[in-house]
Amino acid sequence: MAHIETWYRCPTCKVLYSNQNEAFKCRNSHPIIEEKWAVGKGGKAVKINEFATQDGMYGLNWALREADLSDFIEERERQLT
């Protein structure tokens, strides 16, 4: 089952932080962007677009479903049926 994580990105350093304390060290000199990601059981991560509708493409529910699906076409077809 996929879950939601908040990651913090520094566009200047091009670093992705998984917790807020690490991001605050960089925040003093650079702007930090907060992003929501859906992370699946296999470690696959899908970014959630904050402007998309909840059930629409790139929305919350879509990202959670996509994070649980495999990237392999044959396995994905079995999971969807």
PDB file of N, CA and C in Angstrom:
ATOM      1  N   MET A   1       0.846  -1.174   0.000  1.00  0.00           N
ATOM      2  CA  MET A   1       0.000   0.000   0.000  1.00  0.00           C
ATOM      3  C   MET A   1       0.894   1.240   0.000  1.00  0.00           C
ATOM      4  N   ALA A   2       0.616   2.143  -0.890  1.00  0.00           N
ATOM      5  CA  ALA A   2       1.402   3.370  -1.000  1.00  0.00           C
ATOM      6  C   ALA A   2       1.051   4.323   0.137  1.00  0.00           C
ATOM      7  N   HIS A   3       1.994   5.179   0.455  1.00  0.00           N
ATOM      8  CA  HIS A   3       1.770   6.200   1.475  1.00  0.00           C
ATOM      9  C   HIS A   3       2.336   7.525   0.969  1.00  0.00           C
ATOM     10  N   ILE A   4       1.988   8.605   1.648  1.00  0.00           N
ATOM     11  CA  ILE A   4       2.408   9.947   1.234  1.00  0.00           C
ATOM     12  C   ILE A   4       3.575  10.408   2.101  1.00  0.00           C
ATOM     13  N   GLU A   5       4.595  10.965   1.448  1.00  0.00           N
ATOM     14  CA  GLU A   5       5.742  11.541   2.154  1.00  0.00           C
ATOM     15  C   GLU A   5       5.942  12.968   1.665  1.00  0.00           C
ATOM     16  N   THR A   6       6.470  13.797   2.537  1.00  0.00           N
ATOM     17  CA  THR A   6       6.818  15.167   2.171  1.00  0.00           C
ATOM     18  C   THR A   6       8.327  15.241   2.034  1.00  0.00           C
ATOM     19  N   TRP A   7       8.786  15.669   0.871  1.00  0.00           N
ATOM     20  CA  TRP A   7      10.209  15.824   0.613  1.00  0.00           C
ATOM     21  C   TRP A   7      10.487  17.302   0.381  1.00  0.00           C
ATOM     22  N   TYR A   8      11.689  17.715   0.663  1.00  0.00           N
ATOM     23  CA  TYR A   8      12.090  19.115   0.547  1.00  0.00           C
ATOM     24  C   TYR A   8      13.221  19.211  -0.461  1.00  0.00           C
ATOM     25  N   ARG A   9      13.045  20.056  -1.485  1.00  0.00           N
ATOM     26  CA  ARG A   9      14.022  20.183  -2.564  1.00  0.00           C
ATOM     27  C   ARG A   9      14.653  21.569  -2.534  1.00  0.00           C
ATOM     28  N   CYS A  10      15.975  21.584  -2.684  1.00  0.00           N
ATOM     29  CA  CYS A  10      16.702  22.843  -2.837  1.00  0.00           C
ATOM     30  C   CYS A  10      17.077  22.976  -4.307  1.00  0.00           C
ATOM     31  N   PRO A  11      16.443  23.892  -5.044  1.00  0.00           N
ATOM     32  CA  PRO A  11      16.746  24.019  -6.470  1.00  0.00           C
ATOM     33  C   PRO A  11      18.155  24.557  -6.743  1.00  0.00           C
ATOM     34  N   THR A  12      18.729  25.257  -5.799  1.00  0.00           N
ATOM     35  CA  THR A  12      20.077  25.797  -5.978  1.00  0.00           C
ATOM     36  C   THR A  12      21.123  24.692  -5.868  1.00  0.00           C
ATOM     37  N   CYS A  13      21.028  23.879  -4.816  1.00  0.00           N
ATOM     38  CA  CYS A  13      21.991  22.796  -4.581  1.00  0.00           C
ATOM     39  C   CYS A  13      21.637  21.524  -5.349  1.00  0.00           C
ATOM     40  N   LYS A  14      20.386  21.451  -5.843  1.00  0.00           N
ATOM     41  CA  LYS A  14      19.863  20.253  -6.510  1.00  0.00           C
ATOM     42  C   LYS A  14      19.918  19.035  -5.592  1.00  0.00           C
ATOM     43  N   VAL A  15      19.505  19.246  -4.341  1.00  0.00           N
ATOM     44  CA  VAL A  15      19.485  18.199  -3.326  1.00  0.00           C
ATOM     45  C   VAL A  15      18.046  17.983  -2.880  1.00  0.00           C
ATOM     46  N   LEU A  16      17.703  16.708  -2.631  1.00  0.00           N
ATOM     47  CA  LEU A  16      16.380  16.353  -2.148  1.00  0.00           C
ATOM     48  C   LEU A  16      16.513  15.839  -0.723  1.00  0.00           C
ATOM     49  N   TYR A  17      15.853  16.514   0.221  1.00  0.00           N
ATOM     50  CA  TYR A  17      15.913  16.139   1.635  1.00  0.00           C
ATOM     51  C   TYR A  17      14.647  15.386   2.014  1.00  0.00           C
ATOM     52  N   SER A  18      14.799  14.361   2.842  1.00  0.00           N
ATOM     53  CA  SER A  18      13.629  13.585   3.252  1.00  0.00           C
ATOM     54  C   SER A  18      13.048  14.064   4.569  1.00  0.00           C
ATOM     55  N   ASN A  19      13.782  14.882   5.301  1.00  0.00           N
ATOM     56  CA  ASN A  19      13.203  15.419   6.541  1.00  0.00           C
ATOM     57  C   ASN A  19      13.462  16.916   6.647  1.00  0.00           C
ATOM     58  N   GLN A  20      12.649  17.549   7.450  1.00  0.00           N
ATOM     59  CA  GLN A  20      12.650  19.007   7.540  1.00  0.00           C
ATOM     60  C   GLN A  20      13.909  19.543   8.203  1.00  0.00           C
ATOM     61  N   ASN A  21      14.467  18.832   9.161  1.00  0.00           N
ATOM     62  CA  ASN A  21      15.662  19.317   9.859  1.00  0.00           C
ATOM     63  C   ASN A  21      16.851  19.466   8.923  1.00  0.00           C
ATOM     64  N   GLU A  22      17.042  18.505   8.023  1.00  0.00           N
ATOM     65  CA  GLU A  22      18.136  18.606   7.057  1.00  0.00           C
ATOM     66  C   GLU A  22      17.911  19.773   6.104  1.00  0.00           C
ATOM     67  N   ALA A  23      16.667  19.961   5.696  1.00  0.00           N
ATOM     68  CA  ALA A  23      16.352  21.038   4.752  1.00  0.00           C
ATOM     69  C   ALA A  23      16.573  22.409   5.377  1.00  0.00           C
ATOM     70  N   PHE A  24      16.323  22.544   6.683  1.00  0.00           N
ATOM     71  CA  PHE A  24      16.498  23.839   7.332  1.00  0.00           C
ATOM     72  C   PHE A  24      17.942  24.302   7.335  1.00  0.00           C
ATOM     73  N   LYS A  25      18.883  23.388   7.304  1.00  0.00           N
ATOM     74  CA  LYS A  25      20.298  23.779   7.230  1.00  0.00           C
ATOM     75  C   LYS A  25      20.573  24.529   5.931  1.00  0.00           C
ATOM     76  N   CYS A  26      19.949  24.065   4.854  1.00  0.00           N
ATOM     77  CA  CYS A  26      20.148  24.695   3.555  1.00  0.00           C
ATOM     78  C   CYS A  26      19.247  25.921   3.381  1.00  0.00           C
ATOM     79  N   ARG A  27      18.127  25.953   4.095  1.00  0.00           N
ATOM     80  CA  ARG A  27      17.131  27.009   3.932  1.00  0.00           C
ATOM     81  C   ARG A  27      17.675  28.388   4.279  1.00  0.00           C
ATOM     82  N   ASN A  28      18.645  28.443   5.176  1.00  0.00           N
ATOM     83  CA  ASN A  28      19.176  29.742   5.581  1.00  0.00           C
ATOM     84  C   ASN A  28      19.825  30.493   4.426  1.00  0.00           C
ATOM     85  N   SER A  29      20.313  29.766   3.423  1.00  0.00           N
ATOM     86  CA  SER A  29      20.960  30.444   2.301  1.00  0.00           C
ATOM     87  C   SER A  29      20.247  30.249   0.962  1.00  0.00           C
ATOM     88  N   HIS A  30      19.320  29.277   0.870  1.00  0.00           N
ATOM     89  CA  HIS A  30      18.606  29.003  -0.378  1.00  0.00           C
ATOM     90  C   HIS A  30      17.113  28.805  -0.095  1.00  0.00           C
ATOM     91  N   PRO A  31      16.280  29.022  -1.118  1.00  0.00           N
ATOM     92  CA  PRO A  31      14.852  28.727  -0.937  1.00  0.00           C
ATOM     93  C   PRO A  31      14.618  27.216  -1.005  1.00  0.00           C
ATOM     94  N   ILE A  32      13.718  26.702  -0.204  1.00  0.00           N
ATOM     95  CA  ILE A  32      13.393  25.282  -0.174  1.00  0.00           C
ATOM     96  C   ILE A  32      11.966  25.088  -0.687  1.00  0.00           C
ATOM     97  N   ILE A  33      11.760  24.091  -1.538  1.00  0.00           N
ATOM     98  CA  ILE A  33      10.447  23.782  -2.090  1.00  0.00           C
ATOM     99  C   ILE A  33       9.936  22.514  -1.422  1.00  0.00           C
ATOM    100  N   GLU A  34       8.731  22.568  -0.874  1.00  0.00           N
ATOM    101  CA  GLU A  34       8.118  21.412  -0.235  1.00  0.00           C
ATOM    102  C   GLU A  34       7.282  20.662  -1.274  1.00  0.00           C
ATOM    103  N   GLU A  35       7.530  19.345  -1.403  1.00  0.00           N
ATOM    104  CA  GLU A  35       6.822  18.528  -2.382  1.00  0.00           C
ATOM    105  C   GLU A  35       6.187  17.326  -1.709  1.00  0.00           C
ATOM    106  N   LYS A  36       5.023  16.917  -2.179  1.00  0.00           N
ATOM    107  CA  LYS A  36       4.350  15.712  -1.686  1.00  0.00           C
ATOM    108  C   LYS A  36       4.564  14.598  -2.713  1.00  0.00           C
ATOM    109  N   TRP A  37       4.952  13.416  -2.223  1.00  0.00           N
ATOM    110  CA  TRP A  37       5.207  12.265  -3.072  1.00  0.00           C
ATOM    111  C   TRP A  37       4.445  11.062  -2.550  1.00  0.00           C
ATOM    112  N   ALA A  38       3.936  10.241  -3.451  1.00  0.00           N
ATOM    113  CA  ALA A  38       3.346   8.952  -3.103  1.00  0.00           C
ATOM    114  C   ALA A  38       4.437   7.912  -3.281  1.00  0.00           C
ATOM    115  N   VAL A  39       4.711   7.135  -2.235  1.00  0.00           N
ATOM    116  CA  VAL A  39       5.776   6.138  -2.267  1.00  0.00           C
ATOM    117  C   VAL A  39       5.135   4.759  -2.122  1.00  0.00           C
ATOM    118  N   GLY A  40       5.428   3.885  -3.090  1.00  0.00           N
ATOM    119  CA  GLY A  40       4.852   2.547  -3.106  1.00  0.00           C
ATOM    120  C   GLY A  40       5.657   1.546  -2.312  1.00  0.00           C
ATOM    121  N   LYS A  41       5.127   0.326  -2.234  1.00  0.00           N
ATOM    122  CA  LYS A  41       5.748  -0.725  -1.446  1.00  0.00           C
ATOM    123  C   LYS A  41       7.112  -1.137  -1.984  1.00  0.00           C
ATOM    124  N   GLY A  42       7.354  -0.969  -3.275  1.00  0.00           N
ATOM    125  CA  GLY A  42       8.638  -1.324  -3.865  1.00  0.00           C
ATOM    126  C   GLY A  42       9.625  -0.166  -3.893  1.00  0.00           C
ATOM    127  N   GLY A  43       9.239   0.977  -3.347  1.00  0.00           N
ATOM    128  CA  GLY A  43      10.120   2.139  -3.337  1.00  0.00           C
ATOM    129  C   GLY A  43       9.878   3.105  -4.481  1.00  0.00           C
ATOM    130  N   LYS A  44       8.940   2.775  -5.369  1.00  0.00           N
ATOM    131  CA  LYS A  44       8.624   3.665  -6.481  1.00  0.00           C
ATOM    132  C   LYS A  44       7.953   4.919  -5.948  1.00  0.00           C
ATOM    133  N   ALA A  45       8.405   6.084  -6.395  1.00  0.00           N
ATOM    134  CA  ALA A  45       7.851   7.357  -5.932  1.00  0.00           C
ATOM    135  C   ALA A  45       7.235   8.121  -7.097  1.00  0.00           C
ATOM    136  N   VAL A  46       6.070   8.706  -6.852  1.00  0.00           N
ATOM    137  CA  VAL A  46       5.357   9.492  -7.858  1.00  0.00           C
ATOM    138  C   VAL A  46       4.998  10.830  -7.233  1.00  0.00           C
ATOM    139  N   LYS A  47       5.363  11.910  -7.920  1.00  0.00           N
ATOM    140  CA  LYS A  47       5.088  13.251  -7.387  1.00  0.00           C
ATOM    141  C   LYS A  47       3.600  13.583  -7.516  1.00  0.00           C
ATOM    142  N   ILE A  48       3.053  14.189  -6.479  1.00  0.00           N
ATOM    143  CA  ILE A  48       1.659  14.615  -6.455  1.00  0.00           C
ATOM    144  C   ILE A  48       1.612  16.091  -6.840  1.00  0.00           C
ATOM    145  N   ASN A  49       0.849  16.402  -7.870  1.00  0.00           N
ATOM    146  CA  ASN A  49       0.708  17.786  -8.313  1.00  0.00           C
ATOM    147  C   ASN A  49      -0.346  18.464  -7.443  1.00  0.00           C
ATOM    148  N   GLU A  50       0.038  19.519  -6.768  1.00  0.00           N
ATOM    149  CA  GLU A  50      -0.876  20.194  -5.836  1.00  0.00           C
ATOM    150  C   GLU A  50      -2.018  20.907  -6.542  1.00  0.00           C
ATOM    151  N   PHE A  51      -1.901  21.151  -7.839  1.00  0.00           N
ATOM    152  CA  PHE A  51      -2.943  21.870  -8.574  1.00  0.00           C
ATOM    153  C   PHE A  51      -3.909  20.933  -9.288  1.00  0.00           C
ATOM    154  N   ALA A  52      -3.629  19.630  -9.306  1.00  0.00           N
ATOM    155  CA  ALA A  52      -4.506  18.669  -9.968  1.00  0.00           C
ATOM    156  C   ALA A  52      -5.660  18.306  -9.036  1.00  0.00           C
ATOM    157  N   THR A  53      -6.775  17.893  -9.631  1.00  0.00           N
ATOM    158  CA  THR A  53      -7.888  17.437  -8.805  1.00  0.00           C
ATOM    159  C   THR A  53      -7.508  16.124  -8.141  1.00  0.00           C
ATOM    160  N   GLN A  54      -8.144  15.807  -7.045  1.00  0.00           N
ATOM    161  CA  GLN A  54      -7.764  14.654  -6.243  1.00  0.00           C
ATOM    162  C   GLN A  54      -7.821  13.345  -7.040  1.00  0.00           C
ATOM    163  N   ASP A  55      -8.845  13.164  -7.868  1.00  0.00           N
ATOM    164  CA  ASP A  55      -8.976  11.929  -8.644  1.00  0.00           C
ATOM    165  C   ASP A  55      -8.438  12.060 -10.063  1.00  0.00           C
ATOM    166  N   GLY A  56      -8.041  13.260 -10.460  1.00  0.00           N
ATOM    167  CA  GLY A  56      -7.561  13.485 -11.816  1.00  0.00           C
ATOM    168  C   GLY A  56      -6.113  13.047 -12.004  1.00  0.00           C
ATOM    169  N   MET A  57      -5.644  13.165 -13.245  1.00  0.00           N
ATOM    170  CA  MET A  57      -4.267  12.790 -13.575  1.00  0.00           C
ATOM    171  C   MET A  57      -3.298  13.632 -12.753  1.00  0.00           C
ATOM    172  N   TYR A  58      -2.331  12.993 -12.144  1.00  0.00           N
ATOM    173  CA  TYR A  58      -1.309  13.591 -11.274  1.00  0.00           C
ATOM    174  C   TYR A  58      -1.860  14.080  -9.939  1.00  0.00           C
ATOM    175  N   GLY A  59      -3.102  13.750  -9.639  1.00  0.00           N
ATOM    176  CA  GLY A  59      -3.699  14.097  -8.357  1.00  0.00           C
ATOM    177  C   GLY A  59      -3.322  13.081  -7.283  1.00  0.00           C
ATOM    178  N   LEU A  60      -3.841  13.267  -6.098  1.00  0.00           N
ATOM    179  CA  LEU A  60      -3.514  12.431  -4.948  1.00  0.00           C
ATOM    180  C   LEU A  60      -3.840  10.957  -5.170  1.00  0.00           C
ATOM    181  N   ASN A  61      -5.077  10.648  -5.520  1.00  0.00           N
ATOM    182  CA  ASN A  61      -5.476   9.250  -5.697  1.00  0.00           C
ATOM    183  C   ASN A  61      -4.763   8.591  -6.870  1.00  0.00           C
ATOM    184  N   TRP A  62      -4.563   9.327  -7.956  1.00  0.00           N
ATOM    185  CA  TRP A  62      -3.839   8.798  -9.112  1.00  0.00           C
ATOM    186  C   TRP A  62      -2.407   8.445  -8.723  1.00  0.00           C
ATOM    187  N   ALA A  63      -1.743   9.322  -7.991  1.00  0.00           N
ATOM    188  CA  ALA A  63      -0.350   9.088  -7.597  1.00  0.00           C
ATOM    189  C   ALA A  63      -0.227   7.889  -6.659  1.00  0.00           C
ATOM    190  N   LEU A  64      -1.148   7.743  -5.716  1.00  0.00           N
ATOM    191  CA  LEU A  64      -1.119   6.589  -4.816  1.00  0.00           C
ATOM    192  C   LEU A  64      -1.295   5.288  -5.590  1.00  0.00           C
ATOM    193  N   ARG A  65      -2.212   5.273  -6.542  1.00  0.00           N
ATOM    194  CA  ARG A  65      -2.446   4.073  -7.355  1.00  0.00           C
ATOM    195  C   ARG A  65      -1.232   3.781  -8.237  1.00  0.00           C
ATOM    196  N   GLU A  66      -0.662   4.818  -8.839  1.00  0.00           N
ATOM    197  CA  GLU A  66       0.488   4.654  -9.732  1.00  0.00           C
ATOM    198  C   GLU A  66       1.728   4.184  -8.980  1.00  0.00           C
ATOM    199  N   ALA A  67       1.906   4.626  -7.755  1.00  0.00           N
ATOM    200  CA  ALA A  67       3.078   4.223  -6.962  1.00  0.00           C
ATOM    201  C   ALA A  67       3.033   2.742  -6.619  1.00  0.00           C
ATOM    202  N   ASP A  68       1.827   2.184  -6.492  1.00  0.00           N
ATOM    203  CA  ASP A  68       1.702   0.756  -6.192  1.00  0.00           C
ATOM    204  C   ASP A  68       1.859  -0.122  -7.430  1.00  0.00           C
ATOM    205  N   LEU A  69       1.636   0.425  -8.616  1.00  0.00           N
ATOM    206  CA  LEU A  69       1.736  -0.365  -9.842  1.00  0.00           C
ATOM    207  C   LEU A  69       3.194  -0.533 -10.260  1.00  0.00           C
ATOM    208  N   SER A  70       3.469  -1.649 -10.874  1.00  0.00           N
ATOM    209  CA  SER A  70       4.821  -1.928 -11.357  1.00  0.00           C
ATOM    210  C   SER A  70       5.084  -1.163 -12.649  1.00  0.00           C
ATOM    211  N   ASP A  71       6.357  -0.948 -12.977  1.00  0.00           N
ATOM    212  CA  ASP A  71       6.724  -0.326 -14.245  1.00  0.00           C
ATOM    213  C   ASP A  71       6.783  -1.339 -15.382  1.00  0.00           C
ATOM    214  N   PHE A  72       6.735  -2.636 -15.059  1.00  0.00           N
ATOM    215  CA  PHE A  72       6.786  -3.674 -16.079  1.00  0.00           C
ATOM    216  C   PHE A  72       5.393  -3.881 -16.666  1.00  0.00           C
ATOM    217  N   ILE A  73       5.276  -3.776 -17.988  1.00  0.00           N
ATOM    218  CA  ILE A  73       3.980  -3.787 -18.655  1.00  0.00           C
ATOM    219  C   ILE A  73       3.207  -5.077 -18.376  1.00  0.00           C
ATOM    220  N   GLU A  74       3.877  -6.232 -18.452  1.00  0.00           N
ATOM    221  CA  GLU A  74       3.174  -7.504 -18.259  1.00  0.00           C
ATOM    222  C   GLU A  74       2.610  -7.607 -16.842  1.00  0.00           C
ATOM    223  N   GLU A  75       3.409  -7.223 -15.862  1.00  0.00           N
ATOM    224  CA  GLU A  75       2.960  -7.288 -14.471  1.00  0.00           C
ATOM    225  C   GLU A  75       1.860  -6.261 -14.203  1.00  0.00           C
ATOM    226  N   ARG A  76       1.960  -5.108 -14.813  1.00  0.00           N
ATOM    227  CA  ARG A  76       0.957  -4.056 -14.631  1.00  0.00           C
ATOM    228  C   ARG A  76      -0.397  -4.494 -15.193  1.00  0.00           C
ATOM    229  N   GLU A  77      -0.409  -5.168 -16.347  1.00  0.00           N
ATOM    230  CA  GLU A  77      -1.659  -5.646 -16.919  1.00  0.00           C
ATOM    231  C   GLU A  77      -2.335  -6.662 -16.010  1.00  0.00           C
ATOM    232  N   ARG A  78      -1.549  -7.513 -15.338  1.00  0.00           N
ATOM    233  CA  ARG A  78      -2.120  -8.486 -14.404  1.00  0.00           C
ATOM    234  C   ARG A  78      -2.706  -7.781 -13.185  1.00  0.00           C
ATOM    235  N   GLN A  79      -2.055  -6.706 -12.718  1.00  0.00           N
ATOM    236  CA  GLN A  79      -2.528  -5.989 -11.536  1.00  0.00           C
ATOM    237  C   GLN A  79      -3.816  -5.218 -11.821  1.00  0.00           C
ATOM    238  N   LEU A  80      -3.982  -4.730 -13.032  1.00  0.00           N
ATOM    239  CA  LEU A  80      -5.158  -3.925 -13.366  1.00  0.00           C
ATOM    240  C   LEU A  80      -6.392  -4.775 -13.655  1.00  0.00           C
ATOM    241  N   THR A  81      -6.196  -6.056 -13.988  1.00  0.00           N
ATOM    242  CA  THR A  81      -7.367  -6.891 -14.294  1.00  0.00           C
ATOM    243  C   THR A  81      -7.784  -7.712 -13.108  1.00  0.00           C
TER     244      THR A  81
END
